[in-house]
Amino acid sequence: MRIQLPFSARSSVLKTVFYLLMCLLLLSCQSTSVNIKAIDVIDRQQKSGIKLYENGEYEKAFDELNELAAWGYKDSQYALAFMFLKGLHVEQSTLIGMGWLGVAAESNIKEWTTLFDKLYSSATDEDKNKFDLITADYKSKFGLKAQHVSCKKATNGYSRRVVMRCIKNVDRRTTYYKIDLTEATLSLTNN
């Protein structure tokens, strides 16, 4: 003997089964989104990375700063610029270093823009063209608008050094791009 449920009961059971299956499906999916850290965690990570850089612990500094640089944080980008320009823990690359310096200079910190302009003006025309391409590429990936970051200048406590206090808008979806570690991975074409 087969028991027949009324239509409303069958519908309710089907809905419940459907919702359970959807929940299981959603919970089992691998998310590709990047977890954005709280601003105080980011500030501590950036300060730690810069302190490690200043103490000559370049590998640890790179590990702390590269993620934040990719998210658009200007102090991290500025430090990465020097790591690449000088070849500190990474393959020395004037091109990648100028790309990071160019995107960091979006902050309009006078010393940063002056340094970028000085290095740029002393380059060959061929290198200037490459710098233009890499800077445009980095701004499109790691820049303020691309990463939905807003920054304000502030002084850093004791040293009175000007730093950028940046906040990422977590309500806006952004793409996380891996950073280039060698010139072989660069995109140097007019898009």
C-alpha atoms as a PDB file:
ATOM      1  CA  MET A   1       0.000   0.000   0.000  1.00  0.00           C
ATOM      2  CA  ARG A   2       1.360   3.347  -1.032  1.00  0.00           C
ATOM      3  CA  ILE A   3       0.662   6.482   1.005  1.00  0.00           C
ATOM      4  CA  GLN A   4      -0.031   9.574  -1.029  1.00  0.00           C
ATOM      5  CA  LEU A   5       0.859  12.913   0.603  1.00  0.00           C
ATOM      6  CA  PRO A   6      -1.328  15.882  -0.104  1.00  0.00           C
ATOM      7  CA  PHE A   7       0.159  18.284  -2.699  1.00  0.00           C
ATOM      8  CA  SER A   8       1.066  20.950  -0.111  1.00  0.00           C
ATOM      9  CA  ALA A   9       2.976  18.418   2.001  1.00  0.00           C
ATOM     10  CA  ARG A  10       4.841  17.075  -1.050  1.00  0.00           C
ATOM     11  CA  SER A  11       5.720  20.606  -2.046  1.00  0.00           C
ATOM     12  CA  SER A  12       7.008  21.353   1.439  1.00  0.00           C
ATOM     13  CA  VAL A  13       9.141  18.205   1.477  1.00  0.00           C
ATOM     14  CA  LEU A  14      10.560  18.979  -1.964  1.00  0.00           C
ATOM     15  CA  LYS A  15      11.409  22.534  -0.909  1.00  0.00           C
ATOM     16  CA  THR A  16      13.170  21.277   2.211  1.00  0.00           C
ATOM     17  CA  VAL A  17      15.177  18.727   0.229  1.00  0.00           C
ATOM     18  CA  PHE A  18      16.043  21.395  -2.356  1.00  0.00           C
ATOM     19  CA  TYR A  19      17.247  23.845   0.318  1.00  0.00           C
ATOM     20  CA  LEU A  20      19.324  21.157   2.027  1.00  0.00           C
ATOM     21  CA  LEU A  21      20.957  20.221  -1.273  1.00  0.00           C
ATOM     22  CA  MET A  22      21.683  23.881  -2.082  1.00  0.00           C
ATOM     23  CA  CYS A  23      23.228  24.427   1.354  1.00  0.00           C
ATOM     24  CA  LEU A  24      25.439  21.367   0.919  1.00  0.00           C
ATOM     25  CA  LEU A  25      26.448  22.491  -2.544  1.00  0.00           C
ATOM     26  CA  LEU A  26      27.318  26.015  -1.390  1.00  0.00           C
ATOM     27  CA  LEU A  27      29.270  24.769   1.596  1.00  0.00           C
ATOM     28  CA  SER A  28      31.296  22.381  -0.549  1.00  0.00           C
ATOM     29  CA  CYS A  29      32.285  25.009  -3.156  1.00  0.00           C
ATOM     30  CA  GLN A  30      35.825  26.342  -3.100  1.00  0.00           C
ATOM     31  CA  SER A  31      35.692  30.107  -2.989  1.00  0.00           C
ATOM     32  CA  THR A  32      38.112  32.071  -5.130  1.00  0.00           C
ATOM     33  CA  SER A  33      37.536  35.306  -3.282  1.00  0.00           C
ATOM     34  CA  VAL A  34      40.252  36.836  -1.141  1.00  0.00           C
ATOM     35  CA  ASN A  35      39.590  37.493   2.506  1.00  0.00           C
ATOM     36  CA  ILE A  36      40.099  41.150   3.245  1.00  0.00           C
ATOM     37  CA  LYS A  37      41.692  41.683   6.616  1.00  0.00           C
ATOM     38  CA  ALA A  38      40.585  44.211   9.199  1.00  0.00           C
ATOM     39  CA  ILE A  39      42.295  47.607   8.901  1.00  0.00           C
ATOM     40  CA  ASP A  40      44.170  47.204  12.203  1.00  0.00           C
ATOM     41  CA  VAL A  41      45.529  43.827  11.030  1.00  0.00           C
ATOM     42  CA  ILE A  42      46.611  45.406   7.742  1.00  0.00           C
ATOM     43  CA  ASP A  43      48.290  48.310   9.544  1.00  0.00           C
ATOM     44  CA  ARG A  44      50.211  45.920  11.803  1.00  0.00           C
ATOM     45  CA  GLN A  45      51.224  43.748   8.847  1.00  0.00           C
ATOM     46  CA  GLN A  46      52.399  46.753   6.850  1.00  0.00           C
ATOM     47  CA  LYS A  47      54.339  48.235   9.794  1.00  0.00           C
ATOM     48  CA  SER A  48      55.898  44.837  10.457  1.00  0.00           C
ATOM     49  CA  GLY A  49      56.881  44.432   6.802  1.00  0.00           C
ATOM     50  CA  ILE A  50      58.446  47.878   6.618  1.00  0.00           C
ATOM     51  CA  LYS A  51      60.322  47.335   9.887  1.00  0.00           C
ATOM     52  CA  LEU A  52      61.616  44.001   8.566  1.00  0.00           C
ATOM     53  CA  TYR A  53      62.715  45.777   5.377  1.00  0.00           C
ATOM     54  CA  GLU A  54      64.506  48.481   7.361  1.00  0.00           C
ATOM     55  CA  ASN A  55      66.234  45.758   9.431  1.00  0.00           C
ATOM     56  CA  GLY A  56      67.477  43.984   6.311  1.00  0.00           C
ATOM     57  CA  GLU A  57      65.180  40.965   6.688  1.00  0.00           C
ATOM     58  CA  TYR A  58      64.087  41.135   3.071  1.00  0.00           C
ATOM     59  CA  GLU A  59      62.554  37.686   2.654  1.00  0.00           C
ATOM     60  CA  LYS A  60      60.261  38.182   5.651  1.00  0.00           C
ATOM     61  CA  ALA A  61      59.535  41.756   4.553  1.00  0.00           C
ATOM     62  CA  PHE A  62      58.534  40.551   1.107  1.00  0.00           C
ATOM     63  CA  ASP A  63      56.230  37.928   2.624  1.00  0.00           C
ATOM     64  CA  GLU A  64      54.495  40.634   4.685  1.00  0.00           C
ATOM     65  CA  LEU A  65      54.259  43.293   1.978  1.00  0.00           C
ATOM     66  CA  ASN A  66      53.541  41.632  -1.369  1.00  0.00           C
ATOM     67  CA  GLU A  67      49.909  40.771  -0.567  1.00  0.00           C
ATOM     68  CA  LEU A  68      49.187  44.303   0.647  1.00  0.00           C
ATOM     69  CA  ALA A  69      50.907  45.822  -2.387  1.00  0.00           C
ATOM     70  CA  ALA A  70      48.650  43.736  -4.626  1.00  0.00           C
ATOM     71  CA  TRP A  71      45.627  45.067  -2.707  1.00  0.00           C
ATOM     72  CA  GLY A  72      46.668  48.657  -3.448  1.00  0.00           C
ATOM     73  CA  TYR A  73      48.363  49.694  -0.182  1.00  0.00           C
ATOM     74  CA  LYS A  74      50.834  52.424  -1.089  1.00  0.00           C
ATOM     75  CA  ASP A  75      53.509  52.035   1.630  1.00  0.00           C
ATOM     76  CA  SER A  76      53.819  48.351   0.721  1.00  0.00           C
ATOM     77  CA  GLN A  77      54.067  49.228  -2.967  1.00  0.00           C
ATOM     78  CA  TYR A  78      56.782  51.771  -2.256  1.00  0.00           C
ATOM     79  CA  ALA A  79      58.824  49.237  -0.247  1.00  0.00           C
ATOM     80  CA  LEU A  80      58.419  46.615  -2.988  1.00  0.00           C
ATOM     81  CA  ALA A  81      59.665  49.156  -5.522  1.00  0.00           C
ATOM     82  CA  PHE A  82      62.981  49.368  -3.681  1.00  0.00           C
ATOM     83  CA  MET A  83      63.223  45.633  -3.224  1.00  0.00           C
ATOM     84  CA  PHE A  84      63.019  45.210  -6.997  1.00  0.00           C
ATOM     85  CA  LEU A  85      65.162  48.234  -7.847  1.00  0.00           C
ATOM     86  CA  LYS A  86      67.936  46.978  -5.553  1.00  0.00           C
ATOM     87  CA  GLY A  87      67.388  43.215  -5.984  1.00  0.00           C
ATOM     88  CA  LEU A  88      66.718  42.582  -2.297  1.00  0.00           C
ATOM     89  CA  HIS A  89      65.390  39.000  -1.956  1.00  0.00           C
ATOM     90  CA  VAL A  90      63.896  39.286  -5.441  1.00  0.00           C
ATOM     91  CA  GLU A  91      65.468  39.318  -8.883  1.00  0.00           C
ATOM     92  CA  GLN A  92      66.751  42.847  -9.496  1.00  0.00           C
ATOM     93  CA  SER A  93      64.545  44.598 -12.018  1.00  0.00           C
ATOM     94  CA  THR A  94      64.508  48.292 -12.769  1.00  0.00           C
ATOM     95  CA  LEU A  95      61.397  47.720 -14.848  1.00  0.00           C
ATOM     96  CA  ILE A  96      59.338  46.028 -12.102  1.00  0.00           C
ATOM     97  CA  GLY A  97      60.713  48.467  -9.532  1.00  0.00           C
ATOM     98  CA  MET A  98      59.629  51.441 -11.640  1.00  0.00           C
ATOM     99  CA  GLY A  99      56.210  49.846 -12.091  1.00  0.00           C
ATOM    100  CA  TRP A 100      55.755  49.639  -8.316  1.00  0.00           C
ATOM    101  CA  LEU A 101      57.204  53.109  -7.792  1.00  0.00           C
ATOM    102  CA  GLY A 102      54.863  54.491 -10.455  1.00  0.00           C
ATOM    103  CA  VAL A 103      51.759  52.970  -8.907  1.00  0.00           C
ATOM    104  CA  ALA A 104      52.873  54.002  -5.403  1.00  0.00           C
ATOM    105  CA  ALA A 105      53.308  57.566  -6.687  1.00  0.00           C
ATOM    106  CA  GLU A 106      49.517  57.744  -7.177  1.00  0.00           C
ATOM    107  CA  SER A 107      49.583  58.794  -3.533  1.00  0.00           C
ATOM    108  CA  ASN A 108      51.149  62.151  -4.465  1.00  0.00           C
ATOM    109  CA  ILE A 109      53.746  61.987  -1.708  1.00  0.00           C
ATOM    110  CA  LYS A 110      56.267  64.526  -2.935  1.00  0.00           C
ATOM    111  CA  GLU A 111      59.396  62.431  -2.236  1.00  0.00           C
ATOM    112  CA  TRP A 112      57.928  59.453  -4.085  1.00  0.00           C
ATOM    113  CA  THR A 113      56.852  61.383  -7.154  1.00  0.00           C
ATOM    114  CA  THR A 114      60.150  63.295  -7.219  1.00  0.00           C
ATOM    115  CA  LEU A 115      62.122  60.043  -7.101  1.00  0.00           C
ATOM    116  CA  PHE A 116      59.988  58.490  -9.839  1.00  0.00           C
ATOM    117  CA  ASP A 117      60.375  61.600 -12.024  1.00  0.00           C
ATOM    118  CA  LYS A 118      64.148  61.708 -11.442  1.00  0.00           C
ATOM    119  CA  LEU A 119      64.647  58.048 -12.357  1.00  0.00           C
ATOM    120  CA  TYR A 120      62.268  58.346 -15.307  1.00  0.00           C
ATOM    121  CA  SER A 121      63.959  61.448 -16.730  1.00  0.00           C
ATOM    122  CA  SER A 122      67.392  59.786 -16.619  1.00  0.00           C
ATOM    123  CA  ALA A 123      66.175  56.721 -18.578  1.00  0.00           C
ATOM    124  CA  THR A 124      66.533  56.107 -22.290  1.00  0.00           C
ATOM    125  CA  ASP A 125      63.516  56.664 -24.551  1.00  0.00           C
ATOM    126  CA  GLU A 126      63.171  52.892 -24.941  1.00  0.00           C
ATOM    127  CA  ASP A 127      63.146  52.412 -21.170  1.00  0.00           C
ATOM    128  CA  LYS A 128      60.678  55.288 -20.741  1.00  0.00           C
ATOM    129  CA  ASN A 129      58.289  53.515 -23.106  1.00  0.00           C
ATOM    130  CA  LYS A 130      58.624  50.322 -21.059  1.00  0.00           C
ATOM    131  CA  PHE A 131      58.141  52.269 -17.806  1.00  0.00           C
ATOM    132  CA  ASP A 132      54.966  53.826 -19.233  1.00  0.00           C
ATOM    133  CA  LEU A 133      53.580  50.414 -20.155  1.00  0.00           C
ATOM    134  CA  ILE A 134      54.396  48.726 -16.853  1.00  0.00           C
ATOM    135  CA  THR A 135      53.143  51.650 -14.784  1.00  0.00           C
ATOM    136  CA  ALA A 136      49.866  51.716 -16.718  1.00  0.00           C
ATOM    137  CA  ASP A 137      49.522  47.937 -16.295  1.00  0.00           C
ATOM    138  CA  TYR A 138      50.227  48.126 -12.551  1.00  0.00           C
ATOM    139  CA  LYS A 139      47.806  51.011 -12.063  1.00  0.00           C
ATOM    140  CA  SER A 140      45.112  49.014 -13.868  1.00  0.00           C
ATOM    141  CA  LYS A 141      45.714  46.078 -11.502  1.00  0.00           C
ATOM    142  CA  PHE A 142      47.052  47.500  -8.245  1.00  0.00           C
ATOM    143  CA  GLY A 143      46.055  51.169  -8.385  1.00  0.00           C
ATOM    144  CA  LEU A 144      43.683  53.079  -6.149  1.00  0.00           C
ATOM    145  CA  LYS A 145      40.720  52.835  -8.526  1.00  0.00           C
ATOM    146  CA  ALA A 146      41.361  49.239  -9.555  1.00  0.00           C
ATOM    147  CA  GLN A 147      41.556  48.019  -5.965  1.00  0.00           C
ATOM    148  CA  HIS A 148      38.922  50.441  -4.574  1.00  0.00           C
ATOM    149  CA  VAL A 149      41.326  51.888  -2.030  1.00  0.00           C
ATOM    150  CA  SER A 150      41.293  55.359  -0.561  1.00  0.00           C
ATOM    151  CA  CYS A 151      44.364  56.794   1.138  1.00  0.00           C
ATOM    152  CA  LYS A 152      45.234  59.769   3.307  1.00  0.00           C
ATOM    153  CA  LYS A 153      48.665  61.052   4.218  1.00  0.00           C
ATOM    154  CA  ALA A 154      49.681  60.790   7.870  1.00  0.00           C
ATOM    155  CA  THR A 155      52.877  61.066   9.862  1.00  0.00           C
ATOM    156  CA  ASN A 156      54.416  58.009  11.440  1.00  0.00           C
ATOM    157  CA  GLY A 157      54.682  58.691  15.174  1.00  0.00           C
ATOM    158  CA  TYR A 158      58.250  59.196  16.284  1.00  0.00           C
ATOM    159  CA  SER A 159      60.030  59.647  12.983  1.00  0.00           C
ATOM    160  CA  ARG A 160      57.442  62.062  11.544  1.00  0.00           C
ATOM    161  CA  ARG A 161      57.901  60.201   8.253  1.00  0.00           C
ATOM    162  CA  VAL A 162      54.940  60.653   5.917  1.00  0.00           C
ATOM    163  CA  VAL A 163      53.020  57.420   5.420  1.00  0.00           C
ATOM    164  CA  MET A 164      49.806  56.534   3.668  1.00  0.00           C
ATOM    165  CA  ARG A 165      46.824  55.313   5.665  1.00  0.00           C
ATOM    166  CA  CYS A 166      44.824  53.336   3.151  1.00  0.00           C
ATOM    167  CA  ILE A 167      41.447  51.684   3.472  1.00  0.00           C
ATOM    168  CA  LYS A 168      40.086  49.158   1.018  1.00  0.00           C
ATOM    169  CA  ASN A 169      36.367  49.349   0.273  1.00  0.00           C
ATOM    170  CA  VAL A 170      35.343  45.781   1.105  1.00  0.00           C
ATOM    171  CA  ASP A 171      31.873  46.335  -0.344  1.00  0.00           C
ATOM    172  CA  ARG A 172      33.341  46.597  -3.856  1.00  0.00           C
ATOM    173  CA  ARG A 173      34.490  43.425  -5.564  1.00  0.00           C
ATOM    174  CA  THR A 174      38.051  43.529  -6.857  1.00  0.00           C
ATOM    175  CA  THR A 175      40.345  41.088  -8.584  1.00  0.00           C
ATOM    176  CA  TYR A 176      43.411  39.875  -6.770  1.00  0.00           C
ATOM    177  CA  TYR A 177      46.352  39.768  -9.175  1.00  0.00           C
ATOM    178  CA  LYS A 178      49.540  37.927  -8.362  1.00  0.00           C
ATOM    179  CA  ILE A 179      52.562  40.163  -8.528  1.00  0.00           C
ATOM    180  CA  ASP A 180      55.273  39.770 -11.143  1.00  0.00           C
ATOM    181  CA  LEU A 181      58.476  38.318  -9.752  1.00  0.00           C
ATOM    182  CA  THR A 182      60.508  38.398 -12.961  1.00  0.00           C
ATOM    183  CA  GLU A 183      60.504  40.465 -16.128  1.00  0.00           C
ATOM    184  CA  ALA A 184      59.585  37.329 -18.099  1.00  0.00           C
ATOM    185  CA  THR A 185      56.061  37.476 -16.625  1.00  0.00           C
ATOM    186  CA  LEU A 186      55.429  41.124 -17.520  1.00  0.00           C
ATOM    187  CA  SER A 187      52.790  42.287 -19.959  1.00  0.00           C
ATOM    188  CA  LEU A 188      54.458  45.015 -22.030  1.00  0.00           C
ATOM    189  CA  THR A 189      51.910  45.584 -24.756  1.00  0.00           C
ATOM    190  CA  ASN A 190      49.527  48.448 -25.420  1.00  0.00           C
ATOM    191  CA  ASN A 191      46.130  47.104 -24.413  1.00  0.00           C
END
